[in-house]
PDB file of N, CA and C in Angstrom:
ATOM      1  N   MET A   1      53.488 -10.423 -11.235  1.00  0.00           N
ATOM      2  CA  MET A   1      54.112  -9.105 -11.402  1.00  0.00           C
ATOM      3  C   MET A   1      55.205  -9.265 -12.374  1.00  0.00           C
ATOM      4  N   LEU A   2      55.331  -8.339 -13.204  1.00  0.00           N
ATOM      5  CA  LEU A   2      56.405  -8.325 -14.218  1.00  0.00           C
ATOM      6  C   LEU A   2      57.158  -6.979 -14.122  1.00  0.00           C
ATOM      7  N   ILE A   3      58.451  -7.015 -14.124  1.00  0.00           N
ATOM      8  CA  ILE A   3      59.219  -5.857 -14.123  1.00  0.00           C
ATOM      9  C   ILE A   3      60.053  -5.768 -15.371  1.00  0.00           C
ATOM     10  N   GLU A   4      59.892  -4.649 -15.997  1.00  0.00           N
ATOM     11  CA  GLU A   4      60.580  -4.405 -17.317  1.00  0.00           C
ATOM     12  C   GLU A   4      61.541  -3.295 -17.164  1.00  0.00           C
ATOM     13  N   ILE A   5      62.745  -3.470 -17.624  1.00  0.00           N
ATOM     14  CA  ILE A   5      63.717  -2.411 -17.514  1.00  0.00           C
ATOM     15  C   ILE A   5      63.675  -1.570 -18.840  1.00  0.00           C
ATOM     16  N   LYS A   6      63.613  -0.275 -18.667  1.00  0.00           N
ATOM     17  CA  LYS A   6      63.478   0.609 -19.782  1.00  0.00           C
ATOM     18  C   LYS A   6      64.781   1.407 -19.927  1.00  0.00           C
ATOM     19  N   ARG A   7      65.291   1.404 -21.161  1.00  0.00           N
ATOM     20  CA  ARG A   7      66.477   2.217 -21.426  1.00  0.00           C
ATOM     21  C   ARG A   7      66.036   3.363 -22.288  1.00  0.00           C
ATOM     22  N   ASP A   8      66.686   4.472 -22.133  1.00  0.00           N
ATOM     23  CA  ASP A   8      66.404   5.680 -22.906  1.00  0.00           C
ATOM     24  C   ASP A   8      64.992   6.176 -22.815  1.00  0.00           C
ATOM     25  N   ARG A   9      64.354   5.928 -21.638  1.00  0.00           N
ATOM     26  CA  ARG A   9      63.022   6.463 -21.398  1.00  0.00           C
ATOM     27  C   ARG A   9      63.020   7.301 -20.144  1.00  0.00           C
ATOM     28  N   THR A  10      62.246   8.328 -20.044  1.00  0.00           N
ATOM     29  CA  THR A  10      62.180   9.142 -18.864  1.00  0.00           C
ATOM     30  C   THR A  10      61.391   8.408 -17.791  1.00  0.00           C
ATOM     31  N   PRO A  11      61.627   8.721 -16.520  1.00  0.00           N
ATOM     32  CA  PRO A  11      60.798   8.046 -15.479  1.00  0.00           C
ATOM     33  C   PRO A  11      59.315   8.276 -15.695  1.00  0.00           C
ATOM     34  N   ARG A  12      58.919   9.423 -16.205  1.00  0.00           N
ATOM     35  CA  ARG A  12      57.502   9.712 -16.404  1.00  0.00           C
ATOM     36  C   ARG A  12      56.873   8.772 -17.432  1.00  0.00           C
ATOM     37  N   GLU A  13      57.635   8.461 -18.538  1.00  0.00           N
ATOM     38  CA  GLU A  13      57.137   7.552 -19.464  1.00  0.00           C
ATOM     39  C   GLU A  13      56.992   6.127 -18.988  1.00  0.00           C
ATOM     40  N   VAL A  14      57.974   5.746 -18.192  1.00  0.00           N
ATOM     41  CA  VAL A  14      57.921   4.401 -17.578  1.00  0.00           C
ATOM     42  C   VAL A  14      56.735   4.270 -16.590  1.00  0.00           C
ATOM     43  N   VAL A  15      56.499   5.274 -15.791  1.00  0.00           N
ATOM     44  CA  VAL A  15      55.343   5.185 -14.866  1.00  0.00           C
ATOM     45  C   VAL A  15      54.048   5.206 -15.666  1.00  0.00           C
ATOM     46  N   ALA A  16      53.930   6.019 -16.695  1.00  0.00           N
ATOM     47  CA  ALA A  16      52.799   6.081 -17.523  1.00  0.00           C
ATOM     48  C   ALA A  16      52.472   4.729 -18.168  1.00  0.00           C
ATOM     49  N   GLN A  17      53.478   4.069 -18.634  1.00  0.00           N
ATOM     50  CA  GLN A  17      53.335   2.739 -19.261  1.00  0.00           C
ATOM     51  C   GLN A  17      52.874   1.721 -18.223  1.00  0.00           C
ATOM     52  N   ALA A  18      53.500   1.749 -17.006  1.00  0.00           N
ATOM     53  CA  ALA A  18      53.063   0.841 -15.909  1.00  0.00           C
ATOM     54  C   ALA A  18      51.608   1.042 -15.547  1.00  0.00           C
ATOM     55  N   LEU A  19      51.171   2.293 -15.457  1.00  0.00           N
ATOM     56  CA  LEU A  19      49.785   2.609 -15.159  1.00  0.00           C
ATOM     57  C   LEU A  19      48.848   2.111 -16.277  1.00  0.00           C
ATOM     58  N   ASP A  20      49.313   2.296 -17.496  1.00  0.00           N
ATOM     59  CA  ASP A  20      48.519   1.794 -18.671  1.00  0.00           C
ATOM     60  C   ASP A  20      48.349   0.346 -18.574  1.00  0.00           C
ATOM     61  N   TYR A  21      49.422  -0.453 -18.333  1.00  0.00           N
ATOM     62  CA  TYR A  21      49.356  -1.881 -18.159  1.00  0.00           C
ATOM     63  C   TYR A  21      48.449  -2.313 -16.992  1.00  0.00           C
ATOM     64  N   ALA A  22      48.539  -1.658 -15.917  1.00  0.00           N
ATOM     65  CA  ALA A  22      47.711  -1.934 -14.761  1.00  0.00           C
ATOM     66  C   ALA A  22      46.262  -1.714 -15.069  1.00  0.00           C
ATOM     67  N   ALA A  23      45.905  -0.692 -15.755  1.00  0.00           N
ATOM     68  CA  ALA A  23      44.515  -0.467 -16.131  1.00  0.00           C
ATOM     69  C   ALA A  23      44.037  -1.546 -17.066  1.00  0.00           C
ATOM     70  N   TRP A  24      44.864  -1.950 -18.023  1.00  0.00           N
ATOM     71  CA  TRP A  24      44.485  -2.998 -18.930  1.00  0.00           C
ATOM     72  C   TRP A  24      44.251  -4.345 -18.246  1.00  0.00           C
ATOM     73  N   VAL A  25      45.170  -4.679 -17.286  1.00  0.00           N
ATOM     74  CA  VAL A  25      45.070  -5.927 -16.577  1.00  0.00           C
ATOM     75  C   VAL A  25      43.857  -5.931 -15.612  1.00  0.00           C
ATOM     76  N   ASP A  26      43.540  -4.803 -15.053  1.00  0.00           N
ATOM     77  CA  ASP A  26      42.446  -4.753 -14.141  1.00  0.00           C
ATOM     78  C   ASP A  26      41.156  -4.983 -14.840  1.00  0.00           C
ATOM     79  N   ALA A  27      41.052  -4.780 -16.116  1.00  0.00           N
ATOM     80  CA  ALA A  27      39.830  -4.989 -16.795  1.00  0.00           C
ATOM     81  C   ALA A  27      39.662  -6.496 -17.274  1.00  0.00           C
ATOM     82  N   LEU A  28      40.717  -7.292 -17.084  1.00  0.00           N
ATOM     83  CA  LEU A  28      40.680  -8.699 -17.513  1.00  0.00           C
ATOM     84  C   LEU A  28      39.748  -9.518 -16.644  1.00  0.00           C
ATOM     85  N   GLN A  29      39.086 -10.482 -17.208  1.00  0.00           N
ATOM     86  CA  GLN A  29      38.300 -11.519 -16.513  1.00  0.00           C
ATOM     87  C   GLN A  29      39.108 -12.798 -16.635  1.00  0.00           C
ATOM     88  N   PRO A  30      38.731 -13.769 -15.779  1.00  0.00           N
ATOM     89  CA  PRO A  30      39.477 -15.077 -15.832  1.00  0.00           C
ATOM     90  C   PRO A  30      39.547 -15.707 -17.241  1.00  0.00           C
ATOM     91  N   ASP A  31      38.457 -15.622 -17.996  1.00  0.00           N
ATOM     92  CA  ASP A  31      38.470 -16.208 -19.322  1.00  0.00           C
ATOM     93  C   ASP A  31      39.385 -15.463 -20.237  1.00  0.00           C
ATOM     94  N   ASP A  32      39.499 -14.143 -20.029  1.00  0.00           N
ATOM     95  CA  ASP A  32      40.421 -13.323 -20.816  1.00  0.00           C
ATOM     96  C   ASP A  32      41.901 -13.849 -20.559  1.00  0.00           C
ATOM     97  N   ILE A  33      42.211 -14.018 -19.299  1.00  0.00           N
ATOM     98  CA  ILE A  33      43.558 -14.471 -18.928  1.00  0.00           C
ATOM     99  C   ILE A  33      43.814 -15.886 -19.584  1.00  0.00           C
ATOM    100  N   ALA A  34      42.877 -16.743 -19.512  1.00  0.00           N
ATOM    101  CA  ALA A  34      43.047 -18.080 -20.086  1.00  0.00           C
ATOM    102  C   ALA A  34      43.245 -17.975 -21.569  1.00  0.00           C
ATOM    103  N   ALA A  35      42.553 -17.077 -22.299  1.00  0.00           N
ATOM    104  CA  ALA A  35      42.712 -16.913 -23.703  1.00  0.00           C
ATOM    105  C   ALA A  35      44.108 -16.375 -24.026  1.00  0.00           C
ATOM    106  N   ILE A  36      44.537 -15.419 -23.229  1.00  0.00           N
ATOM    107  CA  ILE A  36      45.903 -14.860 -23.437  1.00  0.00           C
ATOM    108  C   ILE A  36      46.934 -15.998 -23.192  1.00  0.00           C
ATOM    109  N   TYR A  37      46.786 -16.786 -22.177  1.00  0.00           N
ATOM    110  CA  TYR A  37      47.710 -17.897 -21.912  1.00  0.00           C
ATOM    111  C   TYR A  37      47.727 -18.883 -23.128  1.00  0.00           C
ATOM    112  N   GLY A  38      46.544 -19.164 -23.630  1.00  0.00           N
ATOM    113  CA  GLY A  38      46.451 -20.032 -24.742  1.00  0.00           C
ATOM    114  C   GLY A  38      47.195 -19.573 -26.032  1.00  0.00           C
ATOM    115  N   ARG A  39      47.202 -18.261 -26.158  1.00  0.00           N
ATOM    116  CA  ARG A  39      47.942 -17.682 -27.353  1.00  0.00           C
ATOM    117  C   ARG A  39      49.449 -17.814 -27.167  1.00  0.00           C
ATOM    118  N   PHE A  40      49.924 -17.747 -25.913  1.00  0.00           N
ATOM    119  CA  PHE A  40      51.351 -17.813 -25.716  1.00  0.00           C
ATOM    120  C   PHE A  40      51.884 -19.165 -25.331  1.00  0.00           C
ATOM    121  N   ALA A  41      50.968 -20.073 -25.039  1.00  0.00           N
ATOM    122  CA  ALA A  41      51.329 -21.438 -24.635  1.00  0.00           C
ATOM    123  C   ALA A  41      50.423 -22.425 -25.377  1.00  0.00           C
ATOM    124  N   PRO A  42      50.416 -22.404 -26.717  1.00  0.00           N
ATOM    125  CA  PRO A  42      49.480 -23.292 -27.434  1.00  0.00           C
ATOM    126  C   PRO A  42      49.554 -24.750 -27.053  1.00  0.00           C
ATOM    127  N   GLY A  43      48.426 -25.359 -26.861  1.00  0.00           N
ATOM    128  CA  GLY A  43      48.430 -26.830 -26.529  1.00  0.00           C
ATOM    129  C   GLY A  43      48.654 -27.107 -25.051  1.00  0.00           C
ATOM    130  N   LYS A  44      48.853 -26.034 -24.255  1.00  0.00           N
ATOM    131  CA  LYS A  44      49.127 -26.270 -22.858  1.00  0.00           C
ATOM    132  C   LYS A  44      47.788 -25.973 -22.075  1.00  0.00           C
ATOM    133  N   SER A  45      47.755 -26.430 -20.853  1.00  0.00           N
ATOM    134  CA  SER A  45      46.603 -26.164 -20.033  1.00  0.00           C
ATOM    135  C   SER A  45      46.981 -25.173 -18.891  1.00  0.00           C
ATOM    136  N   LEU A  46      46.284 -24.112 -18.834  1.00  0.00           N
ATOM    137  CA  LEU A  46      46.552 -23.066 -17.793  1.00  0.00           C
ATOM    138  C   LEU A  46      46.303 -23.739 -16.400  1.00  0.00           C
ATOM    139  N   ALA A  47      45.251 -24.536 -16.253  1.00  0.00           N
ATOM    140  CA  ALA A  47      45.000 -25.137 -14.927  1.00  0.00           C
ATOM    141  C   ALA A  47      46.108 -26.078 -14.520  1.00  0.00           C
ATOM    142  N   GLU A  48      46.580 -26.930 -15.487  1.00  0.00           N
ATOM    143  CA  GLU A  48      47.685 -27.865 -15.125  1.00  0.00           C
ATOM    144  C   GLU A  48      48.985 -27.164 -14.900  1.00  0.00           C
ATOM    145  N   ASP A  49      49.305 -26.193 -15.701  1.00  0.00           N
ATOM    146  CA  ASP A  49      50.541 -25.477 -15.456  1.00  0.00           C
ATOM    147  C   ASP A  49      50.546 -24.678 -14.199  1.00  0.00           C
ATOM    148  N   PHE A  50      49.403 -24.147 -13.805  1.00  0.00           N
ATOM    149  CA  PHE A  50      49.241 -23.457 -12.544  1.00  0.00           C
ATOM    150  C   PHE A  50      49.467 -24.411 -11.407  1.00  0.00           C
ATOM    151  N   ARG A  51      48.884 -25.603 -11.467  1.00  0.00           N
ATOM    152  CA  ARG A  51      48.994 -26.624 -10.417  1.00  0.00           C
ATOM    153  C   ARG A  51      50.479 -27.043 -10.292  1.00  0.00           C
ATOM    154  N   GLN A  52      51.141 -27.231 -11.437  1.00  0.00           N
ATOM    155  CA  GLN A  52      52.516 -27.659 -11.328  1.00  0.00           C
ATOM    156  C   GLN A  52      53.389 -26.533 -10.778  1.00  0.00           C
ATOM    157  N   ARG A  53      53.098 -25.296 -11.096  1.00  0.00           N
ATOM    158  CA  ARG A  53      53.945 -24.167 -10.599  1.00  0.00           C
ATOM    159  C   ARG A  53      53.684 -23.851  -9.133  1.00  0.00           C
ATOM    160  N   PHE A  54      52.395 -23.809  -8.732  1.00  0.00           N
ATOM    161  CA  PHE A  54      52.023 -23.338  -7.438  1.00  0.00           C
ATOM    162  C   PHE A  54      51.634 -24.452  -6.446  1.00  0.00           C
ATOM    163  N   GLY A  55      51.509 -25.692  -6.950  1.00  0.00           N
ATOM    164  CA  GLY A  55      51.189 -26.816  -6.083  1.00  0.00           C
ATOM    165  C   GLY A  55      49.715 -26.860  -5.529  1.00  0.00           C
ATOM    166  N   GLN A  56      48.872 -26.126  -6.168  1.00  0.00           N
ATOM    167  CA  GLN A  56      47.470 -26.130  -5.837  1.00  0.00           C
ATOM    168  C   GLN A  56      46.613 -25.983  -7.069  1.00  0.00           C
ATOM    169  N   PRO A  57      45.388 -26.459  -7.061  1.00  0.00           N
ATOM    170  CA  PRO A  57      44.607 -26.343  -8.259  1.00  0.00           C
ATOM    171  C   PRO A  57      44.151 -24.950  -8.524  1.00  0.00           C
ATOM    172  N   LEU A  58      43.945 -24.662  -9.775  1.00  0.00           N
ATOM    173  CA  LEU A  58      43.361 -23.330 -10.171  1.00  0.00           C
ATOM    174  C   LEU A  58      41.827 -23.516 -10.238  1.00  0.00           C
ATOM    175  N   ASP A  59      41.277 -23.496  -9.044  1.00  0.00           N
ATOM    176  CA  ASP A  59      39.802 -23.673  -9.010  1.00  0.00           C
ATOM    177  C   ASP A  59      39.049 -22.405  -9.232  1.00  0.00           C
ATOM    178  N   GLU A  60      37.778 -22.421  -9.324  1.00  0.00           N
ATOM    179  CA  GLU A  60      36.979 -21.272  -9.645  1.00  0.00           C
ATOM    180  C   GLU A  60      37.192 -20.150  -8.593  1.00  0.00           C
ATOM    181  N   GLU A  61      37.331 -20.478  -7.350  1.00  0.00           N
ATOM    182  CA  GLU A  61      37.565 -19.423  -6.311  1.00  0.00           C
ATOM    183  C   GLU A  61      38.879 -18.754  -6.552  1.00  0.00           C
ATOM    184  N   THR A  62      39.962 -19.552  -6.832  1.00  0.00           N
ATOM    185  CA  THR A  62      41.277 -18.927  -7.093  1.00  0.00           C
ATOM    186  C   THR A  62      41.223 -18.085  -8.370  1.00  0.00           C
ATOM    187  N   ARG A  63      40.545 -18.589  -9.393  1.00  0.00           N
ATOM    188  CA  ARG A  63      40.450 -17.847 -10.674  1.00  0.00           C
ATOM    189  C   ARG A  63      39.764 -16.510 -10.527  1.00  0.00           C
ATOM    190  N   THR A  64      38.727 -16.440  -9.638  1.00  0.00           N
ATOM    191  CA  THR A  64      37.931 -15.226  -9.588  1.00  0.00           C
ATOM    192  C   THR A  64      38.145 -14.405  -8.317  1.00  0.00           C
ATOM    193  N   GLN A  65      38.993 -14.720  -7.445  1.00  0.00           N
ATOM    194  CA  GLN A  65      39.134 -13.985  -6.204  1.00  0.00           C
ATOM    195  C   GLN A  65      39.510 -12.526  -6.395  1.00  0.00           C
ATOM    196  N   TRP A  66      40.285 -12.187  -7.496  1.00  0.00           N
ATOM    197  CA  TRP A  66      40.649 -10.851  -7.749  1.00  0.00           C
ATOM    198  C   TRP A  66      39.720 -10.194  -8.708  1.00  0.00           C
ATOM    199  N   CYS A  67      38.729 -10.985  -9.207  1.00  0.00           N
ATOM    200  CA  CYS A  67      37.762 -10.431 -10.244  1.00  0.00           C
ATOM    201  C   CYS A  67      36.403 -10.214  -9.676  1.00  0.00           C
ATOM    202  N   ARG A  68      36.259  -9.761  -8.464  1.00  0.00           N
ATOM    203  CA  ARG A  68      34.971  -9.579  -7.815  1.00  0.00           C
ATOM    204  C   ARG A  68      34.253  -8.327  -8.305  1.00  0.00           C
ATOM    205  N   ARG A  69      34.966  -7.419  -8.911  1.00  0.00           N
ATOM    206  CA  ARG A  69      34.317  -6.179  -9.398  1.00  0.00           C
ATOM    207  C   ARG A  69      33.594  -6.469 -10.685  1.00  0.00           C
ATOM    208  N   PRO A  70      32.491  -5.767 -10.947  1.00  0.00           N
ATOM    209  CA  PRO A  70      31.855  -5.976 -12.232  1.00  0.00           C
ATOM    210  C   PRO A  70      32.742  -5.533 -13.375  1.00  0.00           C
ATOM    211  N   ARG A  71      32.590  -6.154 -14.477  1.00  0.00           N
ATOM    212  CA  ARG A  71      33.383  -5.840 -15.665  1.00  0.00           C
ATOM    213  C   ARG A  71      33.036  -4.414 -16.163  1.00  0.00           C
ATOM    214  N   ARG A  72      34.099  -3.732 -16.517  1.00  0.00           N
ATOM    215  CA  ARG A  72      33.911  -2.364 -17.088  1.00  0.00           C
ATOM    216  C   ARG A  72      33.328  -2.415 -18.463  1.00  0.00           C
ATOM    217  N   SER A  73      32.556  -1.441 -18.836  1.00  0.00           N
ATOM    218  CA  SER A  73      31.981  -1.449 -20.184  1.00  0.00           C
ATOM    219  C   SER A  73      33.070  -1.223 -21.198  1.00  0.00           C
ATOM    220  N   GLY A  74      32.792  -1.730 -22.399  1.00  0.00           N
ATOM    221  CA  GLY A  74      33.711  -1.556 -23.509  1.00  0.00           C
ATOM    222  C   GLY A  74      34.616  -2.762 -23.680  1.00  0.00           C
ATOM    223  N   ALA A  75      35.225  -2.871 -24.862  1.00  0.00           N
ATOM    224  CA  ALA A  75      36.037  -4.003 -25.155  1.00  0.00           C
ATOM    225  C   ALA A  75      37.401  -3.780 -24.565  1.00  0.00           C
ATOM    226  N   ILE A  76      38.117  -4.842 -24.413  1.00  0.00           N
ATOM    227  CA  ILE A  76      39.476  -4.838 -23.933  1.00  0.00           C
ATOM    228  C   ILE A  76      40.320  -4.317 -25.048  1.00  0.00           C
ATOM    229  N   ARG A  77      41.088  -3.300 -24.765  1.00  0.00           N
ATOM    230  CA  ARG A  77      41.981  -2.850 -25.847  1.00  0.00           C
ATOM    231  C   ARG A  77      43.296  -3.503 -25.785  1.00  0.00           C
ATOM    232  N   SER A  78      43.905  -3.621 -26.893  1.00  0.00           N
ATOM    233  CA  SER A  78      45.246  -4.277 -26.870  1.00  0.00           C
ATOM    234  C   SER A  78      46.282  -3.322 -26.531  1.00  0.00           C
ATOM    235  N   ARG A  79      47.422  -3.808 -25.940  1.00  0.00           N
ATOM    236  CA  ARG A  79      48.583  -2.954 -25.647  1.00  0.00           C
ATOM    237  C   ARG A  79      49.325  -2.660 -26.851  1.00  0.00           C
ATOM    238  N   ARG A  80      49.997  -1.542 -26.921  1.00  0.00           N
ATOM    239  CA  ARG A  80      50.792  -1.201 -28.071  1.00  0.00           C
ATOM    240  C   ARG A  80      52.181  -1.572 -27.942  1.00  0.00           C
TER     241      ARG A  80
END
């Protein structure tokens, strides 16, 4: 979970952005998350960093437990 503080924005805009982010994240698959991690942590291993942070391996069950729904049609759109 990420909390972002917004200045000079109305509560409606902040809620709308949070819902937009949630919809975007909901469409991600484990490989999408790994690719995003790779862009922001080049040369690092998502599995190894996960193990170091949480003290357990990032096994297939852990990677996919939240991704049990079928993927929505259409490409993942980027956030603005």
